[in-house]
Amino acid sequence: MGLFALPAFADIYRYQTKDGEIILTTQPRSDLKLLEVIKDSGKSKRSAGSRADNSSDKPKSVNANSGDASQNYDLMIREASESYGIPAAFIKAVIKIESNFNPRAVSHAGAMGLMQLMPATAEHMGVTDPFDPRQNIMGGTKFLRRLSDRYDGDINLILSGYHAGPGNVERVGGIPFEKTQQYVRNVYSWYVRYRESE
């Protein structure tokens, strides 16, 4: 399967509901206010009057690679990207938010390594050493691939499933927690930034 063959990573539409919730989707919708379209080339087109750039979680650095150790893992990220058909910029954005490229990171909940794999997820993805950067990136990307297949490429649900678990996503039929909404926004912001710097 080609790297950009999935609808999840074609043009991305950023909408706002009447309640102010931000929706990211690859499907055009007429029932919501369009804030922004991120073209597949990585260049964004914003609608008139859009305030999307004023988001507090927007990365501040001009160079997306400045201030993090992402380059140390570029070859592994590219390998995972080619193996599972998930864009490298997307994998990199998840790692940025999950661990800030710290391969020894451990969360209070017990998530481990660069992509913060929970023990059960690591086991299901065939990861025997979650602190091995290559295994962790391959396992985390494999999980993203499964979530992408499960949610038909809906970026909101892919990231929500990664952050909160598919069970919580299915229980509420969408993004389950406020913390998860912030996570989705943060990863999305870095995804756009990394794509634009490729």
N, C-alpha and C. Protein backbone atom coordinates (compact mmCIF):
# COMPACT_ATOMS: atom_id res chain seq x y z
N MET A 1 0.85 -1.19 0.00
CA MET A 1 0.00 0.00 0.00
C MET A 1 0.88 1.25 0.00
N GLY A 2 0.55 2.20 -0.83
CA GLY A 2 1.37 3.41 -0.95
C GLY A 2 1.31 4.27 0.29
N LEU A 3 2.30 5.10 0.44
CA LEU A 3 2.44 5.91 1.64
C LEU A 3 1.24 6.82 1.86
N PHE A 4 0.72 7.44 0.78
CA PHE A 4 -0.40 8.36 0.93
C PHE A 4 -1.68 7.80 0.32
N ALA A 5 -1.79 6.48 0.30
CA ALA A 5 -2.95 5.86 -0.34
C ALA A 5 -4.22 5.99 0.49
N LEU A 6 -4.07 6.29 1.77
CA LEU A 6 -5.23 6.33 2.65
C LEU A 6 -5.95 7.66 2.61
N PRO A 7 -7.29 7.64 2.68
CA PRO A 7 -8.02 8.89 2.72
C PRO A 7 -7.70 9.73 3.96
N ALA A 8 -7.18 9.09 5.01
CA ALA A 8 -6.88 9.83 6.24
C ALA A 8 -5.87 10.94 5.99
N PHE A 9 -5.06 10.77 4.97
CA PHE A 9 -3.97 11.71 4.79
C PHE A 9 -4.04 12.40 3.44
N ALA A 10 -5.27 12.55 2.93
CA ALA A 10 -5.51 13.43 1.79
C ALA A 10 -5.75 14.83 2.37
N ASP A 11 -6.49 15.67 1.67
CA ASP A 11 -6.79 16.99 2.22
C ASP A 11 -7.51 16.83 3.56
N ILE A 12 -7.15 17.67 4.52
CA ILE A 12 -7.77 17.62 5.84
C ILE A 12 -8.60 18.89 6.03
N TYR A 13 -9.85 18.71 6.41
CA TYR A 13 -10.75 19.83 6.64
C TYR A 13 -10.88 20.05 8.14
N ARG A 14 -10.73 21.30 8.54
CA ARG A 14 -10.85 21.66 9.96
C ARG A 14 -12.12 22.49 10.11
N TYR A 15 -13.09 21.94 10.84
CA TYR A 15 -14.39 22.59 11.02
C TYR A 15 -14.60 22.95 12.49
N GLN A 16 -15.56 23.84 12.70
CA GLN A 16 -15.98 24.19 14.07
C GLN A 16 -17.48 24.02 14.18
N THR A 17 -17.92 23.35 15.25
CA THR A 17 -19.35 23.17 15.48
C THR A 17 -19.92 24.42 16.15
N LYS A 18 -21.24 24.46 16.29
CA LYS A 18 -21.89 25.59 16.97
C LYS A 18 -21.44 25.71 18.41
N ASP A 19 -21.05 24.57 19.01
CA ASP A 19 -20.58 24.56 20.40
C ASP A 19 -19.10 24.90 20.53
N GLY A 20 -18.44 25.16 19.40
CA GLY A 20 -17.03 25.52 19.43
C GLY A 20 -16.07 24.34 19.33
N GLU A 21 -16.60 23.13 19.22
CA GLU A 21 -15.73 21.95 19.10
C GLU A 21 -15.07 21.94 17.73
N ILE A 22 -13.80 21.56 17.70
CA ILE A 22 -13.05 21.48 16.44
C ILE A 22 -13.13 20.05 15.92
N ILE A 23 -13.49 19.93 14.64
CA ILE A 23 -13.59 18.63 13.99
C ILE A 23 -12.57 18.58 12.87
N LEU A 24 -11.77 17.52 12.83
CA LEU A 24 -10.81 17.29 11.74
C LEU A 24 -11.30 16.10 10.94
N THR A 25 -11.42 16.25 9.64
CA THR A 25 -11.92 15.15 8.83
C THR A 25 -11.37 15.25 7.42
N THR A 26 -11.39 14.13 6.72
CA THR A 26 -11.00 14.14 5.32
C THR A 26 -12.22 14.30 4.41
N GLN A 27 -13.41 14.37 5.02
CA GLN A 27 -14.64 14.48 4.24
C GLN A 27 -15.20 15.91 4.30
N PRO A 28 -15.46 16.54 3.15
CA PRO A 28 -16.09 17.87 3.16
C PRO A 28 -17.48 17.79 3.80
N ARG A 29 -17.81 18.82 4.59
CA ARG A 29 -19.13 18.87 5.24
C ARG A 29 -19.73 20.25 5.06
N SER A 30 -21.03 20.28 4.83
CA SER A 30 -21.71 21.57 4.62
C SER A 30 -22.43 22.04 5.87
N ASP A 31 -22.49 21.18 6.90
CA ASP A 31 -23.25 21.53 8.10
C ASP A 31 -22.39 22.18 9.18
N LEU A 32 -21.10 22.38 8.90
CA LEU A 32 -20.19 22.96 9.89
C LEU A 32 -19.44 24.14 9.31
N LYS A 33 -18.92 24.99 10.18
CA LYS A 33 -18.14 26.14 9.75
C LYS A 33 -16.72 25.71 9.40
N LEU A 34 -16.31 25.94 8.15
CA LEU A 34 -14.97 25.58 7.71
C LEU A 34 -13.97 26.61 8.20
N LEU A 35 -12.94 26.14 8.91
CA LEU A 35 -11.88 27.03 9.39
C LEU A 35 -10.66 26.98 8.50
N GLU A 36 -10.35 25.79 7.98
CA GLU A 36 -9.07 25.61 7.30
C GLU A 36 -9.10 24.34 6.47
N VAL A 37 -8.39 24.36 5.36
CA VAL A 37 -8.15 23.15 4.57
C VAL A 37 -6.65 22.97 4.46
N ILE A 38 -6.16 21.82 4.92
CA ILE A 38 -4.74 21.50 4.77
C ILE A 38 -4.64 20.62 3.53
N LYS A 39 -4.04 21.16 2.49
CA LYS A 39 -3.92 20.43 1.24
C LYS A 39 -2.91 19.30 1.40
N ASP A 40 -3.03 18.27 0.58
CA ASP A 40 -2.15 17.12 0.66
C ASP A 40 -0.69 17.49 0.44
N SER A 41 -0.45 18.63 -0.22
CA SER A 41 0.93 19.07 -0.42
C SER A 41 1.55 19.57 0.87
N GLY A 42 0.70 19.76 1.90
CA GLY A 42 1.19 20.28 3.17
C GLY A 42 1.01 21.77 3.29
N LYS A 43 0.56 22.45 2.24
CA LYS A 43 0.34 23.89 2.31
C LYS A 43 -1.10 24.14 2.70
N SER A 44 -1.34 25.05 3.59
CA SER A 44 -2.70 25.28 4.08
C SER A 44 -3.35 26.46 3.39
N LYS A 45 -4.69 26.35 3.24
CA LYS A 45 -5.49 27.46 2.75
C LYS A 45 -6.51 27.76 3.83
N ARG A 46 -6.57 28.97 4.30
CA ARG A 46 -7.49 29.32 5.38
C ARG A 46 -8.65 30.14 4.84
N SER A 47 -9.82 29.90 5.40
CA SER A 47 -10.97 30.67 4.98
C SER A 47 -10.87 32.09 5.51
N ALA A 48 -11.57 33.00 4.88
CA ALA A 48 -11.52 34.40 5.30
C ALA A 48 -12.00 34.52 6.73
N GLY A 49 -11.26 35.29 7.51
CA GLY A 49 -11.67 35.53 8.90
C GLY A 49 -11.34 34.39 9.84
N SER A 50 -10.66 33.37 9.35
CA SER A 50 -10.32 32.25 10.22
C SER A 50 -9.35 32.69 11.30
N ARG A 51 -9.60 32.20 12.52
CA ARG A 51 -8.71 32.49 13.64
C ARG A 51 -7.92 31.24 14.02
N ALA A 52 -7.84 30.29 13.09
CA ALA A 52 -7.21 29.00 13.41
C ALA A 52 -5.76 29.16 13.86
N ASP A 53 -5.06 30.17 13.33
CA ASP A 53 -3.66 30.33 13.69
C ASP A 53 -3.45 30.87 15.10
N ASN A 54 -4.52 31.32 15.75
CA ASN A 54 -4.37 31.89 17.08
C ASN A 54 -4.44 30.85 18.19
N SER A 55 -4.52 29.59 17.80
CA SER A 55 -4.61 28.52 18.78
C SER A 55 -3.37 28.51 19.68
N SER A 56 -3.61 28.35 20.98
CA SER A 56 -2.49 28.39 21.93
C SER A 56 -1.61 27.15 21.81
N ASP A 57 -2.13 26.05 21.20
CA ASP A 57 -1.31 24.85 21.10
C ASP A 57 -0.53 24.80 19.78
N LYS A 58 -0.60 25.87 19.00
CA LYS A 58 0.16 25.92 17.75
C LYS A 58 1.65 25.94 18.06
N PRO A 59 2.44 25.07 17.43
CA PRO A 59 3.88 25.12 17.67
C PRO A 59 4.45 26.49 17.35
N LYS A 60 5.32 26.99 18.20
CA LYS A 60 5.84 28.35 18.05
C LYS A 60 7.09 28.43 17.18
N SER A 61 7.86 27.33 17.10
CA SER A 61 9.13 27.41 16.40
C SER A 61 8.93 27.52 14.90
N VAL A 62 9.82 28.25 14.24
CA VAL A 62 9.76 28.39 12.79
C VAL A 62 10.18 27.08 12.14
N ASN A 63 11.23 26.48 12.65
CA ASN A 63 11.71 25.20 12.14
C ASN A 63 11.13 24.10 13.01
N ALA A 64 10.32 23.23 12.40
CA ALA A 64 9.65 22.19 13.18
C ALA A 64 10.63 21.25 13.86
N ASN A 65 11.82 21.12 13.31
CA ASN A 65 12.79 20.19 13.88
C ASN A 65 13.68 20.81 14.95
N SER A 66 13.53 22.13 15.18
CA SER A 66 14.38 22.77 16.18
C SER A 66 13.90 22.42 17.58
N GLY A 67 14.82 22.21 18.48
CA GLY A 67 14.46 22.01 19.87
C GLY A 67 14.01 20.60 20.20
N ASP A 68 14.02 19.67 19.25
CA ASP A 68 13.72 18.29 19.60
C ASP A 68 14.73 17.37 18.94
N ALA A 69 14.67 16.11 19.33
CA ALA A 69 15.66 15.15 18.85
C ALA A 69 15.12 14.31 17.71
N SER A 70 14.17 14.86 16.95
CA SER A 70 13.49 14.08 15.93
C SER A 70 14.43 13.51 14.88
N GLN A 71 15.48 14.27 14.53
CA GLN A 71 16.38 13.80 13.48
C GLN A 71 17.08 12.50 13.86
N ASN A 72 17.24 12.25 15.16
CA ASN A 72 17.89 11.02 15.62
C ASN A 72 17.11 9.78 15.20
N TYR A 73 15.82 9.96 14.92
CA TYR A 73 14.94 8.82 14.64
C TYR A 73 14.36 8.85 13.24
N ASP A 74 14.85 9.76 12.39
CA ASP A 74 14.27 9.93 11.05
C ASP A 74 14.29 8.64 10.23
N LEU A 75 15.40 7.90 10.28
CA LEU A 75 15.48 6.67 9.48
C LEU A 75 14.48 5.63 9.96
N MET A 76 14.34 5.49 11.27
CA MET A 76 13.38 4.53 11.83
C MET A 76 11.95 4.95 11.52
N ILE A 77 11.68 6.26 11.62
CA ILE A 77 10.34 6.77 11.32
C ILE A 77 10.01 6.53 9.85
N ARG A 78 10.99 6.76 8.96
CA ARG A 78 10.76 6.54 7.53
C ARG A 78 10.49 5.06 7.26
N GLU A 79 11.24 4.18 7.93
CA GLU A 79 11.03 2.74 7.75
C GLU A 79 9.62 2.35 8.18
N ALA A 80 9.19 2.85 9.34
CA ALA A 80 7.84 2.54 9.83
C ALA A 80 6.77 3.11 8.90
N SER A 81 7.02 4.32 8.41
CA SER A 81 6.10 4.97 7.48
C SER A 81 5.90 4.13 6.23
N GLU A 82 7.00 3.65 5.67
CA GLU A 82 6.93 2.85 4.44
C GLU A 82 6.32 1.47 4.71
N SER A 83 6.56 0.93 5.89
CA SER A 83 6.04 -0.40 6.23
C SER A 83 4.53 -0.40 6.43
N TYR A 84 4.01 0.68 7.02
CA TYR A 84 2.60 0.68 7.42
C TYR A 84 1.75 1.73 6.71
N GLY A 85 2.33 2.51 5.80
CA GLY A 85 1.53 3.46 5.03
C GLY A 85 1.00 4.62 5.84
N ILE A 86 1.72 5.01 6.88
CA ILE A 86 1.36 6.18 7.70
C ILE A 86 2.42 7.25 7.44
N PRO A 87 2.04 8.47 7.12
CA PRO A 87 3.04 9.50 6.81
C PRO A 87 4.03 9.72 7.94
N ALA A 88 5.29 9.92 7.57
CA ALA A 88 6.35 10.14 8.55
C ALA A 88 6.04 11.34 9.44
N ALA A 89 5.48 12.40 8.86
CA ALA A 89 5.17 13.60 9.64
C ALA A 89 4.14 13.31 10.72
N PHE A 90 3.22 12.40 10.44
CA PHE A 90 2.19 12.03 11.41
C PHE A 90 2.80 11.23 12.56
N ILE A 91 3.65 10.27 12.22
CA ILE A 91 4.34 9.47 13.25
C ILE A 91 5.18 10.40 14.13
N LYS A 92 5.90 11.30 13.49
CA LYS A 92 6.77 12.22 14.21
C LYS A 92 5.96 13.11 15.16
N ALA A 93 4.79 13.56 14.71
CA ALA A 93 3.94 14.41 15.56
C ALA A 93 3.45 13.65 16.78
N VAL A 94 3.09 12.38 16.59
CA VAL A 94 2.66 11.56 17.74
C VAL A 94 3.80 11.42 18.73
N ILE A 95 5.00 11.12 18.23
CA ILE A 95 6.16 10.97 19.13
C ILE A 95 6.45 12.28 19.86
N LYS A 96 6.36 13.40 19.14
CA LYS A 96 6.62 14.71 19.75
C LYS A 96 5.72 14.94 20.96
N ILE A 97 4.44 14.67 20.79
CA ILE A 97 3.48 14.92 21.88
C ILE A 97 3.55 13.84 22.95
N GLU A 98 3.78 12.60 22.55
CA GLU A 98 3.79 11.49 23.52
C GLU A 98 5.00 11.56 24.44
N SER A 99 6.21 11.75 23.89
CA SER A 99 7.42 11.62 24.71
C SER A 99 8.45 12.71 24.47
N ASN A 100 8.18 13.61 23.52
CA ASN A 100 9.17 14.61 23.11
C ASN A 100 10.50 13.94 22.75
N PHE A 101 10.39 12.78 22.07
CA PHE A 101 11.55 12.04 21.55
C PHE A 101 12.47 11.51 22.65
N ASN A 102 11.87 11.15 23.80
CA ASN A 102 12.62 10.53 24.88
C ASN A 102 12.36 9.03 24.87
N PRO A 103 13.32 8.21 24.44
CA PRO A 103 13.08 6.77 24.31
C PRO A 103 12.93 6.06 25.66
N ARG A 104 13.30 6.73 26.76
CA ARG A 104 13.19 6.11 28.09
C ARG A 104 11.97 6.62 28.88
N ALA A 105 11.13 7.40 28.23
CA ALA A 105 9.98 7.99 28.93
C ALA A 105 9.02 6.91 29.44
N VAL A 106 8.52 7.13 30.66
CA VAL A 106 7.50 6.26 31.26
C VAL A 106 6.44 7.16 31.88
N SER A 107 5.18 6.92 31.54
CA SER A 107 4.10 7.75 32.08
C SER A 107 3.63 7.18 33.42
N HIS A 108 2.80 7.98 34.12
CA HIS A 108 2.22 7.51 35.40
C HIS A 108 1.36 6.27 35.18
N ALA A 109 0.76 6.15 33.98
CA ALA A 109 -0.09 5.01 33.68
C ALA A 109 0.69 3.78 33.24
N GLY A 110 2.01 3.96 33.03
CA GLY A 110 2.84 2.83 32.63
C GLY A 110 3.15 2.75 31.15
N ALA A 111 2.77 3.78 30.39
CA ALA A 111 3.10 3.81 28.96
C ALA A 111 4.60 4.03 28.80
N MET A 112 5.19 3.41 27.77
CA MET A 112 6.65 3.35 27.70
C MET A 112 7.19 3.79 26.34
N GLY A 113 8.36 4.43 26.41
CA GLY A 113 9.15 4.70 25.21
C GLY A 113 8.67 5.87 24.37
N LEU A 114 9.24 5.97 23.18
CA LEU A 114 9.00 7.11 22.29
C LEU A 114 7.53 7.34 21.99
N MET A 115 6.80 6.26 21.67
CA MET A 115 5.40 6.39 21.31
C MET A 115 4.47 6.02 22.46
N GLN A 116 5.06 5.89 23.67
CA GLN A 116 4.29 5.67 24.90
C GLN A 116 3.30 4.51 24.77
N LEU A 117 3.84 3.34 24.50
CA LEU A 117 3.03 2.14 24.36
C LEU A 117 2.69 1.56 25.73
N MET A 118 1.41 1.28 25.94
CA MET A 118 1.01 0.56 27.14
C MET A 118 1.48 -0.89 27.01
N PRO A 119 1.74 -1.57 28.12
CA PRO A 119 2.26 -2.95 28.04
C PRO A 119 1.43 -3.87 27.16
N ALA A 120 0.10 -3.83 27.29
CA ALA A 120 -0.75 -4.72 26.49
C ALA A 120 -0.67 -4.36 25.00
N THR A 121 -0.62 -3.07 24.69
CA THR A 121 -0.51 -2.65 23.29
C THR A 121 0.83 -3.10 22.72
N ALA A 122 1.90 -2.89 23.49
CA ALA A 122 3.22 -3.33 23.04
C ALA A 122 3.21 -4.82 22.73
N GLU A 123 2.61 -5.60 23.60
CA GLU A 123 2.56 -7.05 23.40
C GLU A 123 1.78 -7.41 22.14
N HIS A 124 0.61 -6.75 21.95
CA HIS A 124 -0.22 -7.04 20.77
C HIS A 124 0.47 -6.63 19.48
N MET A 125 1.33 -5.63 19.55
CA MET A 125 2.03 -5.16 18.35
C MET A 125 3.37 -5.88 18.14
N GLY A 126 3.66 -6.86 18.99
CA GLY A 126 4.89 -7.65 18.83
C GLY A 126 6.14 -6.96 19.33
N VAL A 127 5.99 -5.99 20.22
CA VAL A 127 7.13 -5.26 20.77
C VAL A 127 7.63 -5.98 22.02
N THR A 128 8.84 -6.48 21.98
CA THR A 128 9.39 -7.19 23.14
C THR A 128 10.19 -6.25 24.05
N ASP A 129 10.73 -5.17 23.49
CA ASP A 129 11.46 -4.19 24.28
C ASP A 129 10.96 -2.79 23.92
N PRO A 130 10.00 -2.27 24.69
CA PRO A 130 9.42 -0.96 24.36
C PRO A 130 10.40 0.20 24.47
N PHE A 131 11.56 -0.03 25.09
CA PHE A 131 12.57 1.03 25.20
C PHE A 131 13.58 0.98 24.05
N ASP A 132 13.43 0.00 23.18
CA ASP A 132 14.23 -0.03 21.96
C ASP A 132 13.54 0.89 20.95
N PRO A 133 14.20 1.97 20.52
CA PRO A 133 13.51 2.96 19.69
C PRO A 133 12.89 2.38 18.42
N ARG A 134 13.61 1.51 17.72
CA ARG A 134 13.07 0.97 16.48
C ARG A 134 11.82 0.12 16.74
N GLN A 135 11.90 -0.77 17.74
CA GLN A 135 10.74 -1.60 18.07
C GLN A 135 9.55 -0.73 18.47
N ASN A 136 9.81 0.28 19.27
CA ASN A 136 8.74 1.14 19.76
C ASN A 136 8.06 1.88 18.61
N ILE A 137 8.87 2.45 17.72
CA ILE A 137 8.31 3.20 16.58
C ILE A 137 7.55 2.27 15.64
N MET A 138 8.09 1.09 15.38
CA MET A 138 7.39 0.14 14.52
C MET A 138 6.08 -0.31 15.16
N GLY A 139 6.12 -0.59 16.47
CA GLY A 139 4.91 -1.02 17.15
C GLY A 139 3.86 0.08 17.23
N GLY A 140 4.29 1.29 17.55
CA GLY A 140 3.35 2.41 17.62
C GLY A 140 2.73 2.72 16.27
N THR A 141 3.52 2.63 15.21
CA THR A 141 3.01 2.90 13.86
C THR A 141 2.07 1.79 13.41
N LYS A 142 2.38 0.56 13.77
CA LYS A 142 1.48 -0.55 13.47
C LYS A 142 0.12 -0.33 14.14
N PHE A 143 0.14 0.18 15.37
CA PHE A 143 -1.10 0.47 16.08
C PHE A 143 -1.86 1.60 15.38
N LEU A 144 -1.16 2.64 14.95
CA LEU A 144 -1.80 3.72 14.18
C LEU A 144 -2.44 3.17 12.90
N ARG A 145 -1.75 2.25 12.25
CA ARG A 145 -2.29 1.62 11.03
C ARG A 145 -3.60 0.91 11.32
N ARG A 146 -3.62 0.16 12.42
CA ARG A 146 -4.84 -0.58 12.79
C ARG A 146 -5.98 0.38 13.13
N LEU A 147 -5.64 1.46 13.83
CA LEU A 147 -6.67 2.44 14.17
C LEU A 147 -7.18 3.14 12.92
N SER A 148 -6.29 3.43 11.97
CA SER A 148 -6.70 4.06 10.73
C SER A 148 -7.67 3.15 9.95
N ASP A 149 -7.37 1.86 9.91
CA ASP A 149 -8.27 0.91 9.25
C ASP A 149 -9.60 0.83 9.99
N ARG A 150 -9.54 0.83 11.30
CA ARG A 150 -10.75 0.68 12.13
C ARG A 150 -11.69 1.87 11.99
N TYR A 151 -11.11 3.08 11.88
CA TYR A 151 -11.92 4.30 11.86
C TYR A 151 -11.96 4.97 10.49
N ASP A 152 -11.69 4.19 9.45
CA ASP A 152 -11.80 4.69 8.07
C ASP A 152 -11.05 5.99 7.86
N GLY A 153 -9.89 6.12 8.49
CA GLY A 153 -9.04 7.28 8.24
C GLY A 153 -9.47 8.56 8.93
N ASP A 154 -10.40 8.50 9.88
CA ASP A 154 -10.83 9.71 10.60
C ASP A 154 -9.75 10.08 11.62
N ILE A 155 -9.07 11.18 11.37
CA ILE A 155 -7.92 11.56 12.20
C ILE A 155 -8.33 11.80 13.65
N ASN A 156 -9.51 12.39 13.87
CA ASN A 156 -9.98 12.58 15.25
C ASN A 156 -10.04 11.25 15.99
N LEU A 157 -10.61 10.24 15.33
CA LEU A 157 -10.80 8.95 16.00
C LEU A 157 -9.50 8.15 16.09
N ILE A 158 -8.65 8.26 15.08
CA ILE A 158 -7.34 7.58 15.14
C ILE A 158 -6.57 8.07 16.36
N LEU A 159 -6.47 9.39 16.50
CA LEU A 159 -5.70 9.94 17.62
C LEU A 159 -6.40 9.72 18.95
N SER A 160 -7.73 9.78 18.96
CA SER A 160 -8.47 9.52 20.20
C SER A 160 -8.27 8.08 20.64
N GLY A 161 -8.32 7.15 19.68
CA GLY A 161 -8.09 5.74 20.00
C GLY A 161 -6.69 5.51 20.52
N TYR A 162 -5.73 6.23 19.94
CA TYR A 162 -4.34 6.08 20.39
C TYR A 162 -4.17 6.62 21.81
N HIS A 163 -4.79 7.73 22.09
CA HIS A 163 -4.63 8.40 23.38
C HIS A 163 -5.48 7.79 24.49
N ALA A 164 -6.75 7.53 24.19
CA ALA A 164 -7.69 7.11 25.23
C ALA A 164 -8.11 5.65 25.14
N GLY A 165 -7.73 4.99 24.03
CA GLY A 165 -8.13 3.60 23.83
C GLY A 165 -9.40 3.50 23.00
N PRO A 166 -9.45 2.53 22.09
CA PRO A 166 -10.63 2.38 21.23
C PRO A 166 -11.93 2.17 22.00
N GLY A 167 -11.86 1.49 23.15
CA GLY A 167 -13.08 1.25 23.93
C GLY A 167 -13.76 2.54 24.36
N ASN A 168 -12.97 3.51 24.81
CA ASN A 168 -13.53 4.80 25.21
C ASN A 168 -14.09 5.57 24.02
N VAL A 169 -13.41 5.47 22.88
CA VAL A 169 -13.90 6.15 21.67
C VAL A 169 -15.25 5.59 21.26
N GLU A 170 -15.37 4.27 21.28
CA GLU A 170 -16.63 3.65 20.86
C GLU A 170 -17.74 3.86 21.88
N ARG A 171 -17.37 3.98 23.14
CA ARG A 171 -18.39 4.21 24.18
C ARG A 171 -19.12 5.52 23.98
N VAL A 172 -18.40 6.57 23.55
CA VAL A 172 -19.04 7.88 23.37
C VAL A 172 -19.27 8.22 21.90
N GLY A 173 -18.77 7.38 21.00
CA GLY A 173 -18.95 7.63 19.58
C GLY A 173 -18.15 8.82 19.07
N GLY A 174 -17.01 9.09 19.68
CA GLY A 174 -16.18 10.22 19.25
C GLY A 174 -15.03 10.43 20.22
N ILE A 175 -14.58 11.68 20.32
CA ILE A 175 -13.48 12.01 21.23
C ILE A 175 -14.00 11.97 22.66
N PRO A 176 -13.44 11.09 23.51
CA PRO A 176 -14.08 10.83 24.79
C PRO A 176 -13.83 11.84 25.90
N PHE A 177 -12.68 12.48 25.94
CA PHE A 177 -12.35 13.33 27.08
C PHE A 177 -11.82 14.68 26.61
N GLU A 178 -11.93 15.68 27.49
CA GLU A 178 -11.38 16.99 27.17
C GLU A 178 -9.87 16.91 26.96
N LYS A 179 -9.21 16.11 27.79
CA LYS A 179 -7.76 15.93 27.66
C LYS A 179 -7.41 15.32 26.30
N THR A 180 -8.26 14.41 25.83
CA THR A 180 -8.04 13.80 24.52
C THR A 180 -8.27 14.81 23.40
N GLN A 181 -9.25 15.70 23.56
CA GLN A 181 -9.46 16.75 22.56
C GLN A 181 -8.21 17.62 22.44
N GLN A 182 -7.59 17.96 23.57
CA GLN A 182 -6.37 18.76 23.55
C GLN A 182 -5.24 17.98 22.89
N TYR A 183 -5.17 16.70 23.17
CA TYR A 183 -4.14 15.83 22.56
C TYR A 183 -4.29 15.82 21.04
N VAL A 184 -5.51 15.65 20.56
CA VAL A 184 -5.76 15.64 19.11
C VAL A 184 -5.31 16.96 18.49
N ARG A 185 -5.66 18.08 19.13
CA ARG A 185 -5.27 19.39 18.60
C ARG A 185 -3.75 19.53 18.56
N ASN A 186 -3.09 19.09 19.62
CA ASN A 186 -1.63 19.22 19.69
C ASN A 186 -0.92 18.38 18.62
N VAL A 187 -1.34 17.13 18.49
CA VAL A 187 -0.71 16.27 17.48
C VAL A 187 -0.98 16.82 16.09
N TYR A 188 -2.22 17.24 15.85
CA TYR A 188 -2.57 17.80 14.54
C TYR A 188 -1.70 19.00 14.20
N SER A 189 -1.49 19.89 15.17
CA SER A 189 -0.67 21.09 14.93
C SER A 189 0.75 20.71 14.53
N TRP A 190 1.32 19.74 15.23
CA TRP A 190 2.68 19.31 14.90
C TRP A 190 2.72 18.54 13.59
N TYR A 191 1.68 17.78 13.31
CA TYR A 191 1.61 17.06 12.03
C TYR A 191 1.69 18.05 10.86
N VAL A 192 0.89 19.10 10.93
CA VAL A 192 0.91 20.12 9.88
C VAL A 192 2.29 20.76 9.78
N ARG A 193 2.86 21.09 10.93
CA ARG A 193 4.17 21.75 10.94
C ARG A 193 5.26 20.85 10.36
N TYR A 194 5.26 19.57 10.74
CA TYR A 194 6.27 18.66 10.21
C TYR A 194 6.07 18.43 8.71
N ARG A 195 4.82 18.36 8.28
CA ARG A 195 4.57 18.17 6.84
C ARG A 195 5.09 19.37 6.04
N GLU A 196 4.88 20.56 6.57
CA GLU A 196 5.30 21.76 5.85
C GLU A 196 6.82 21.89 5.80
N SER A 197 7.52 21.22 6.73
CA SER A 197 8.98 21.34 6.77
C SER A 197 9.66 20.20 6.02
N GLU A 198 8.89 19.27 5.46
CA GLU A 198 9.48 18.13 4.73
C GLU A 198 10.10 18.59 3.42
